[in-house]
Amino acid sequence: QAAKEHPELGLRVIYPNPTPFAMHRICLLE
């Protein structure tokens, strides 16, 4: 998102190898 909004910054991403993931979970609370 930041690379799209601020192309002038020259942002670069480096992926660790292997790469961890963050997962987005949602649940109903009783």
PDB file of all heavy atoms in Angstrom:
ATOM      1  N   GLN A   1       0.819  -1.200   0.000  1.00  0.00           N
ATOM      2  CA  GLN A   1       0.000   0.000   0.000  1.00  0.00           C
ATOM      3  C   GLN A   1       0.855   1.252   0.000  1.00  0.00           C
ATOM      4  O   GLN A   1       0.580   2.219  -0.722  1.00  0.00           O
ATOM      5  CB  GLN A   1      -0.938   0.000   1.208  1.00  0.00           C
ATOM      6  CG  GLN A   1      -1.987   1.102   1.181  1.00  0.00           C
ATOM      7  CD  GLN A   1      -2.930   0.973   0.000  1.00  0.00           C
ATOM      8  OE1 GLN A   1      -3.286  -0.138  -0.404  1.00  0.00           O
ATOM      9  NE2 GLN A   1      -3.333   2.097  -0.565  1.00  0.00           N
ATOM     10  N   ALA A   2       1.913   1.263   0.813  1.00  0.00           N
ATOM     11  CA  ALA A   2       2.792   2.430   0.873  1.00  0.00           C
ATOM     12  C   ALA A   2       3.535   2.643  -0.442  1.00  0.00           C
ATOM     13  O   ALA A   2       3.739   3.787  -0.874  1.00  0.00           O
ATOM     14  CB  ALA A   2       3.789   2.274   2.015  1.00  0.00           C
ATOM     15  N   ALA A   3       3.930   1.551  -1.108  1.00  0.00           N
ATOM     16  CA  ALA A   3       4.612   1.676  -2.399  1.00  0.00           C
ATOM     17  C   ALA A   3       3.690   2.297  -3.438  1.00  0.00           C
ATOM     18  O   ALA A   3       4.132   3.069  -4.303  1.00  0.00           O
ATOM     19  CB  ALA A   3       5.105   0.311  -2.863  1.00  0.00           C
ATOM     20  N   LYS A   4       2.407   1.972  -3.344  1.00  0.00           N
ATOM     21  CA  LYS A   4       1.427   2.545  -4.265  1.00  0.00           C
ATOM     22  C   LYS A   4       1.207   4.028  -3.977  1.00  0.00           C
ATOM     23  O   LYS A   4       1.115   4.856  -4.901  1.00  0.00           O
ATOM     24  CB  LYS A   4       0.113   1.783  -4.154  1.00  0.00           C
ATOM     25  CG  LYS A   4      -1.005   2.337  -5.031  1.00  0.00           C
ATOM     26  CD  LYS A   4      -2.293   1.548  -4.822  1.00  0.00           C
ATOM     27  CE  LYS A   4      -3.428   2.134  -5.661  1.00  0.00           C
ATOM     28  NZ  LYS A   4      -4.705   1.402  -5.439  1.00  0.00           N
ATOM     29  N   GLU A   5       1.101   4.382  -2.696  1.00  0.00           N
ATOM     30  CA  GLU A   5       0.794   5.760  -2.305  1.00  0.00           C
ATOM     31  C   GLU A   5       2.002   6.683  -2.373  1.00  0.00           C
ATOM     32  O   GLU A   5       1.856   7.888  -2.557  1.00  0.00           O
ATOM     33  CB  GLU A   5       0.226   5.771  -0.886  1.00  0.00           C
ATOM     34  CG  GLU A   5      -1.115   5.072  -0.758  1.00  0.00           C
ATOM     35  CD  GLU A   5      -1.610   5.006   0.674  1.00  0.00           C
ATOM     36  OE1 GLU A   5      -0.841   5.394   1.589  1.00  0.00           O
ATOM     37  OE2 GLU A   5      -2.761   4.558   0.888  1.00  0.00           O
ATOM     38  N   HIS A   6       3.210   6.138  -2.216  1.00  0.00           N
ATOM     39  CA  HIS A   6       4.424   6.964  -2.172  1.00  0.00           C
ATOM     40  C   HIS A   6       5.502   6.397  -3.094  1.00  0.00           C
ATOM     41  O   HIS A   6       6.570   5.964  -2.650  1.00  0.00           O
ATOM     42  CB  HIS A   6       4.968   7.036  -0.738  1.00  0.00           C
ATOM     43  CG  HIS A   6       4.040   7.648   0.251  1.00  0.00           C
ATOM     44  ND1 HIS A   6       3.835   9.012   0.330  1.00  0.00           N
ATOM     45  CD2 HIS A   6       3.250   7.074   1.201  1.00  0.00           C
ATOM     46  CE1 HIS A   6       2.967   9.258   1.298  1.00  0.00           C
ATOM     47  NE2 HIS A   6       2.596   8.120   1.831  1.00  0.00           N
ATOM     48  N   PRO A   7       5.262   6.408  -4.399  1.00  0.00           N
ATOM     49  CA  PRO A   7       6.279   5.871  -5.319  1.00  0.00           C
ATOM     50  C   PRO A   7       7.580   6.655  -5.256  1.00  0.00           C
ATOM     51  O   PRO A   7       8.646   6.121  -5.606  1.00  0.00           O
ATOM     52  CB  PRO A   7       5.601   5.992  -6.687  1.00  0.00           C
ATOM     53  CG  PRO A   7       4.559   7.061  -6.515  1.00  0.00           C
ATOM     54  CD  PRO A   7       4.078   6.918  -5.117  1.00  0.00           C
ATOM     55  N   GLU A   8       7.509   7.907  -4.811  1.00  0.00           N
ATOM     56  CA  GLU A   8       8.710   8.741  -4.749  1.00  0.00           C
ATOM     57  C   GLU A   8       9.695   8.278  -3.680  1.00  0.00           C
ATOM     58  O   GLU A   8      10.886   8.667  -3.710  1.00  0.00           O
ATOM     59  CB  GLU A   8       8.316  10.206  -4.478  1.00  0.00           C
ATOM     60  CG  GLU A   8       7.908  10.538  -3.042  1.00  0.00           C
ATOM     61  CD  GLU A   8       6.486  10.106  -2.686  1.00  0.00           C
ATOM     62  OE1 GLU A   8       5.806   9.531  -3.565  1.00  0.00           O
ATOM     63  OE2 GLU A   8       6.070  10.355  -1.546  1.00  0.00           O
ATOM     64  N   LEU A   9       9.254   7.449  -2.743  1.00  0.00           N
ATOM     65  CA  LEU A   9      10.131   7.018  -1.647  1.00  0.00           C
ATOM     66  C   LEU A   9      11.083   5.904  -2.058  1.00  0.00           C
ATOM     67  O   LEU A   9      12.065   5.645  -1.360  1.00  0.00           O
ATOM     68  CB  LEU A   9       9.295   6.555  -0.447  1.00  0.00           C
ATOM     69  CG  LEU A   9       8.394   7.601   0.209  1.00  0.00           C
ATOM     70  CD1 LEU A   9       7.673   6.994   1.401  1.00  0.00           C
ATOM     71  CD2 LEU A   9       9.200   8.824   0.634  1.00  0.00           C
ATOM     72  N   GLY A  10      10.782   5.222  -3.152  1.00  0.00           N
ATOM     73  CA  GLY A  10      11.646   4.122  -3.583  1.00  0.00           C
ATOM     74  C   GLY A  10      11.673   2.983  -2.571  1.00  0.00           C
ATOM     75  O   GLY A  10      12.733   2.428  -2.275  1.00  0.00           O
ATOM     76  N   LEU A  11      10.518   2.618  -2.050  1.00  0.00           N
ATOM     77  CA  LEU A  11      10.450   1.541  -1.062  1.00  0.00           C
ATOM     78  C   LEU A  11      10.800   0.207  -1.698  1.00  0.00           C
ATOM     79  O   LEU A  11      10.425  -0.077  -2.838  1.00  0.00           O
ATOM     80  CB  LEU A  11       9.047   1.471  -0.451  1.00  0.00           C
ATOM     81  CG  LEU A  11       8.616   2.681   0.385  1.00  0.00           C
ATOM     82  CD1 LEU A  11       7.152   2.551   0.766  1.00  0.00           C
ATOM     83  CD2 LEU A  11       9.486   2.818   1.625  1.00  0.00           C
ATOM     84  N   ARG A  12      11.507  -0.620  -0.954  1.00  0.00           N
ATOM     85  CA  ARG A  12      11.859  -1.956  -1.419  1.00  0.00           C
ATOM     86  C   ARG A  12      11.586  -2.961  -0.310  1.00  0.00           C
ATOM     87  O   ARG A  12      11.831  -2.694   0.863  1.00  0.00           O
ATOM     88  CB  ARG A  12      13.337  -2.030  -1.822  1.00  0.00           C
ATOM     89  CG  ARG A  12      13.720  -1.120  -2.979  1.00  0.00           C
ATOM     90  CD  ARG A  12      13.028  -1.540  -4.282  1.00  0.00           C
ATOM     91  NE  ARG A  12      13.344  -2.889  -4.697  1.00  0.00           N
ATOM     92  CZ  ARG A  12      14.375  -3.198  -5.473  1.00  0.00           C
ATOM     93  NH1 ARG A  12      15.208  -2.244  -5.888  1.00  0.00           N
ATOM     94  NH2 ARG A  12      14.593  -4.456  -5.827  1.00  0.00           N
ATOM     95  N   VAL A  13      11.125  -4.133  -0.704  1.00  0.00           N
ATOM     96  CA  VAL A  13      10.835  -5.214   0.233  1.00  0.00           C
ATOM     97  C   VAL A  13      11.857  -6.322   0.053  1.00  0.00           C
ATOM     98  O   VAL A  13      12.240  -6.657  -1.074  1.00  0.00           O
ATOM     99  CB  VAL A  13       9.409  -5.760   0.002  1.00  0.00           C
ATOM    100  CG1 VAL A  13       9.243  -7.143   0.597  1.00  0.00           C
ATOM    101  CG2 VAL A  13       8.386  -4.829   0.635  1.00  0.00           C
ATOM    102  N   ILE A  14      12.290  -6.897   1.180  1.00  0.00           N
ATOM    103  CA  ILE A  14      13.177  -8.056   1.159  1.00  0.00           C
ATOM    104  C   ILE A  14      12.470  -9.178   1.908  1.00  0.00           C
ATOM    105  O   ILE A  14      12.061  -9.000   3.055  1.00  0.00           O
ATOM    106  CB  ILE A  14      14.537  -7.748   1.809  1.00  0.00           C
ATOM    107  CG1 ILE A  14      15.212  -6.576   1.094  1.00  0.00           C
ATOM    108  CG2 ILE A  14      15.438  -8.989   1.775  1.00  0.00           C
ATOM    109  CD1 ILE A  14      16.490  -6.093   1.762  1.00  0.00           C
ATOM    110  N   TYR A  15      12.319 -10.327   1.248  1.00  0.00           N
ATOM    111  CA  TYR A  15      11.633 -11.464   1.840  1.00  0.00           C
ATOM    112  C   TYR A  15      12.659 -12.376   2.519  1.00  0.00           C
ATOM    113  O   TYR A  15      13.586 -12.856   1.867  1.00  0.00           O
ATOM    114  CB  TYR A  15      10.900 -12.273   0.773  1.00  0.00           C
ATOM    115  CG  TYR A  15       9.754 -11.535   0.123  1.00  0.00           C
ATOM    116  CD1 TYR A  15       9.975 -10.674  -0.947  1.00  0.00           C
ATOM    117  CD2 TYR A  15       8.449 -11.697   0.585  1.00  0.00           C
ATOM    118  CE1 TYR A  15       8.923  -9.998  -1.548  1.00  0.00           C
ATOM    119  CE2 TYR A  15       7.392 -11.025  -0.018  1.00  0.00           C
ATOM    120  CZ  TYR A  15       7.636 -10.170  -1.082  1.00  0.00           C
ATOM    121  OH  TYR A  15       6.600  -9.497  -1.674  1.00  0.00           O
ATOM    122  N   PRO A  16      12.503 -12.618   3.821  1.00  0.00           N
ATOM    123  CA  PRO A  16      13.361 -13.640   4.432  1.00  0.00           C
ATOM    124  C   PRO A  16      13.080 -14.990   3.787  1.00  0.00           C
ATOM    125  O   PRO A  16      11.981 -15.230   3.287  1.00  0.00           O
ATOM    126  CB  PRO A  16      12.949 -13.624   5.914  1.00  0.00           C
ATOM    127  CG  PRO A  16      11.617 -12.962   5.953  1.00  0.00           C
ATOM    128  CD  PRO A  16      11.523 -12.061   4.760  1.00  0.00           C
ATOM    129  N   ASN A  17      14.062 -15.848   3.768  1.00  0.00           N
ATOM    130  CA  ASN A  17      13.908 -17.137   3.108  1.00  0.00           C
ATOM    131  C   ASN A  17      14.269 -18.263   4.089  1.00  0.00           C
ATOM    132  O   ASN A  17      15.430 -18.427   4.424  1.00  0.00           O
ATOM    133  CB  ASN A  17      14.821 -17.212   1.883  1.00  0.00           C
ATOM    134  CG  ASN A  17      14.650 -18.516   1.118  1.00  0.00           C
ATOM    135  OD1 ASN A  17      13.601 -19.143   1.178  1.00  0.00           O
ATOM    136  ND2 ASN A  17      15.696 -18.942   0.415  1.00  0.00           N
ATOM    137  N   PRO A  18      13.241 -18.993   4.530  1.00  0.00           N
ATOM    138  CA  PRO A  18      11.815 -18.954   4.198  1.00  0.00           C
ATOM    139  C   PRO A  18      11.099 -17.782   4.866  1.00  0.00           C
ATOM    140  O   PRO A  18      11.666 -17.122   5.739  1.00  0.00           O
ATOM    141  CB  PRO A  18      11.296 -20.295   4.730  1.00  0.00           C
ATOM    142  CG  PRO A  18      12.219 -20.618   5.846  1.00  0.00           C
ATOM    143  CD  PRO A  18      13.567 -20.117   5.436  1.00  0.00           C
ATOM    144  N   THR A  19       9.842 -17.536   4.451  1.00  0.00           N
ATOM    145  CA  THR A  19       9.106 -16.341   4.863  1.00  0.00           C
ATOM    146  C   THR A  19       7.967 -16.697   5.819  1.00  0.00           C
ATOM    147  O   THR A  19       7.151 -17.561   5.506  1.00  0.00           O
ATOM    148  CB  THR A  19       8.505 -15.649   3.629  1.00  0.00           C
ATOM    149  OG1 THR A  19       9.542 -15.386   2.681  1.00  0.00           O
ATOM    150  CG2 THR A  19       7.837 -14.335   4.022  1.00  0.00           C
ATOM    151  N   PRO A  20       7.891 -16.029   6.971  1.00  0.00           N
ATOM    152  CA  PRO A  20       6.740 -16.236   7.862  1.00  0.00           C
ATOM    153  C   PRO A  20       5.517 -15.486   7.358  1.00  0.00           C
ATOM    154  O   PRO A  20       5.633 -14.510   6.623  1.00  0.00           O
ATOM    155  CB  PRO A  20       7.224 -15.663   9.207  1.00  0.00           C
ATOM    156  CG  PRO A  20       8.221 -14.622   8.827  1.00  0.00           C
ATOM    157  CD  PRO A  20       8.879 -15.095   7.549  1.00  0.00           C
ATOM    158  N   PHE A  21       4.344 -15.945   7.773  1.00  0.00           N
ATOM    159  CA  PHE A  21       3.081 -15.319   7.375  1.00  0.00           C
ATOM    160  C   PHE A  21       2.290 -14.893   8.609  1.00  0.00           C
ATOM    161  O   PHE A  21       2.333 -15.549   9.647  1.00  0.00           O
ATOM    162  CB  PHE A  21       2.221 -16.288   6.560  1.00  0.00           C
ATOM    163  CG  PHE A  21       2.498 -16.262   5.090  1.00  0.00           C
ATOM    164  CD1 PHE A  21       3.691 -16.756   4.584  1.00  0.00           C
ATOM    165  CD2 PHE A  21       1.574 -15.746   4.191  1.00  0.00           C
ATOM    166  CE1 PHE A  21       3.958 -16.737   3.226  1.00  0.00           C
ATOM    167  CE2 PHE A  21       1.828 -15.723   2.831  1.00  0.00           C
ATOM    168  CZ  PHE A  21       3.021 -16.210   2.346  1.00  0.00           C
ATOM    169  N   ALA A  22       1.572 -13.786   8.457  1.00  0.00           N
ATOM    170  CA  ALA A  22       0.575 -13.372   9.444  1.00  0.00           C
ATOM    171  C   ALA A  22      -0.790 -13.708   8.884  1.00  0.00           C
ATOM    172  O   ALA A  22      -1.098 -13.364   7.740  1.00  0.00           O
ATOM    173  CB  ALA A  22       0.680 -11.877   9.720  1.00  0.00           C
ATOM    174  N   MET A  23      -1.614 -14.379   9.688  1.00  0.00           N
ATOM    175  CA  MET A  23      -2.937 -14.792   9.232  1.00  0.00           C
ATOM    176  C   MET A  23      -4.012 -13.994   9.955  1.00  0.00           C
ATOM    177  O   MET A  23      -3.890 -13.705  11.143  1.00  0.00           O
ATOM    178  CB  MET A  23      -3.125 -16.283   9.465  1.00  0.00           C
ATOM    179  CG  MET A  23      -2.248 -17.124   8.570  1.00  0.00           C
ATOM    180  SD  MET A  23      -2.407 -18.876   8.971  1.00  0.00           S
ATOM    181  CE  MET A  23      -1.743 -18.874  10.626  1.00  0.00           C
ATOM    182  N   HIS A  24      -5.061 -13.663   9.218  1.00  0.00           N
ATOM    183  CA  HIS A  24      -6.127 -12.823   9.749  1.00  0.00           C
ATOM    184  C   HIS A  24      -7.359 -13.692  10.003  1.00  0.00           C
ATOM    185  O   HIS A  24      -8.026 -14.139   9.083  1.00  0.00           O
ATOM    186  CB  HIS A  24      -6.421 -11.676   8.782  1.00  0.00           C
ATOM    187  CG  HIS A  24      -5.240 -10.778   8.605  1.00  0.00           C
ATOM    188  ND1 HIS A  24      -4.870  -9.845   9.538  1.00  0.00           N
ATOM    189  CD2 HIS A  24      -4.319 -10.711   7.620  1.00  0.00           C
ATOM    190  CE1 HIS A  24      -3.784  -9.207   9.132  1.00  0.00           C
ATOM    191  NE2 HIS A  24      -3.428  -9.723   7.968  1.00  0.00           N
ATOM    192  N   ARG A  25      -7.622 -13.886  11.272  1.00  0.00           N
ATOM    193  CA  ARG A  25      -8.678 -14.779  11.740  1.00  0.00           C
ATOM    194  C   ARG A  25      -9.842 -13.954  12.288  1.00  0.00           C
ATOM    195  O   ARG A  25      -9.643 -12.872  12.840  1.00  0.00           O
ATOM    196  CB  ARG A  25      -8.107 -15.680  12.839  1.00  0.00           C
ATOM    197  CG  ARG A  25      -9.071 -16.651  13.483  1.00  0.00           C
ATOM    198  CD  ARG A  25      -8.351 -17.403  14.598  1.00  0.00           C
ATOM    199  NE  ARG A  25      -9.207 -18.383  15.257  1.00  0.00           N
ATOM    200  CZ  ARG A  25      -8.833 -19.105  16.313  1.00  0.00           C
ATOM    201  NH1 ARG A  25      -7.614 -18.945  16.821  1.00  0.00           N
ATOM    202  NH2 ARG A  25      -9.663 -19.976  16.869  1.00  0.00           N
ATOM    203  N   ILE A  26     -11.049 -14.469  12.158  1.00  0.00           N
ATOM    204  CA  ILE A  26     -12.220 -13.823  12.738  1.00  0.00           C
ATOM    205  C   ILE A  26     -13.127 -14.895  13.333  1.00  0.00           C
ATOM    206  O   ILE A  26     -13.203 -16.011  12.804  1.00  0.00           O
ATOM    207  CB  ILE A  26     -12.986 -12.980  11.692  1.00  0.00           C
ATOM    208  CG1 ILE A  26     -14.069 -12.138  12.368  1.00  0.00           C
ATOM    209  CG2 ILE A  26     -13.554 -13.838  10.578  1.00  0.00           C
ATOM    210  CD1 ILE A  26     -14.664 -11.067  11.467  1.00  0.00           C
ATOM    211  N   CYS A  27     -13.770 -14.577  14.451  1.00  0.00           N
ATOM    212  CA  CYS A  27     -14.615 -15.566  15.100  1.00  0.00           C
ATOM    213  C   CYS A  27     -15.788 -14.891  15.799  1.00  0.00           C
ATOM    214  O   CYS A  27     -15.726 -13.716  16.178  1.00  0.00           O
ATOM    215  CB  CYS A  27     -13.813 -16.394  16.103  1.00  0.00           C
ATOM    216  SG  CYS A  27     -12.805 -15.409  17.221  1.00  0.00           S
ATOM    217  N   LEU A  28     -16.856 -15.644  15.959  1.00  0.00           N
ATOM    218  CA  LEU A  28     -18.026 -15.202  16.706  1.00  0.00           C
ATOM    219  C   LEU A  28     -17.779 -15.445  18.185  1.00  0.00           C
ATOM    220  O   LEU A  28     -17.330 -16.529  18.577  1.00  0.00           O
ATOM    221  CB  LEU A  28     -19.253 -15.986  16.255  1.00  0.00           C
ATOM    222  CG  LEU A  28     -20.560 -15.672  16.988  1.00  0.00           C
ATOM    223  CD1 LEU A  28     -21.128 -14.341  16.501  1.00  0.00           C
ATOM    224  CD2 LEU A  28     -21.577 -16.801  16.781  1.00  0.00           C
ATOM    225  N   LEU A  29     -18.054 -14.441  19.028  1.00  0.00           N
ATOM    226  CA  LEU A  29     -17.951 -14.591  20.475  1.00  0.00           C
ATOM    227  C   LEU A  29     -19.344 -14.880  21.033  1.00  0.00           C
ATOM    228  O   LEU A  29     -20.283 -14.116  20.803  1.00  0.00           O
ATOM    229  CB  LEU A  29     -17.388 -13.317  21.106  1.00  0.00           C
ATOM    230  CG  LEU A  29     -15.981 -12.898  20.654  1.00  0.00           C
ATOM    231  CD1 LEU A  29     -15.539 -11.663  21.428  1.00  0.00           C
ATOM    232  CD2 LEU A  29     -14.985 -14.037  20.827  1.00  0.00           C
ATOM    233  N   GLU A  30     -19.456 -15.973  21.762  1.00  0.00           N
ATOM    234  CA  GLU A  30     -20.743 -16.360  22.315  1.00  0.00           C
ATOM    235  C   GLU A  30     -21.148 -15.414  23.443  1.00  0.00           C
ATOM    236  O   GLU A  30     -20.304 -14.922  24.196  1.00  0.00           O
ATOM    237  CB  GLU A  30     -20.695 -17.795  22.838  1.00  0.00           C
ATOM    238  CG  GLU A  30     -20.443 -18.838  21.761  1.00  0.00           C
ATOM    239  CD  GLU A  30     -21.601 -18.965  20.781  1.00  0.00           C
ATOM    240  OE1 GLU A  30     -22.665 -18.360  21.019  1.00  0.00           O
ATOM    241  OE2 GLU A  30     -21.436 -19.675  19.770  1.00  0.00           O
TER     242      GLU A  30
END
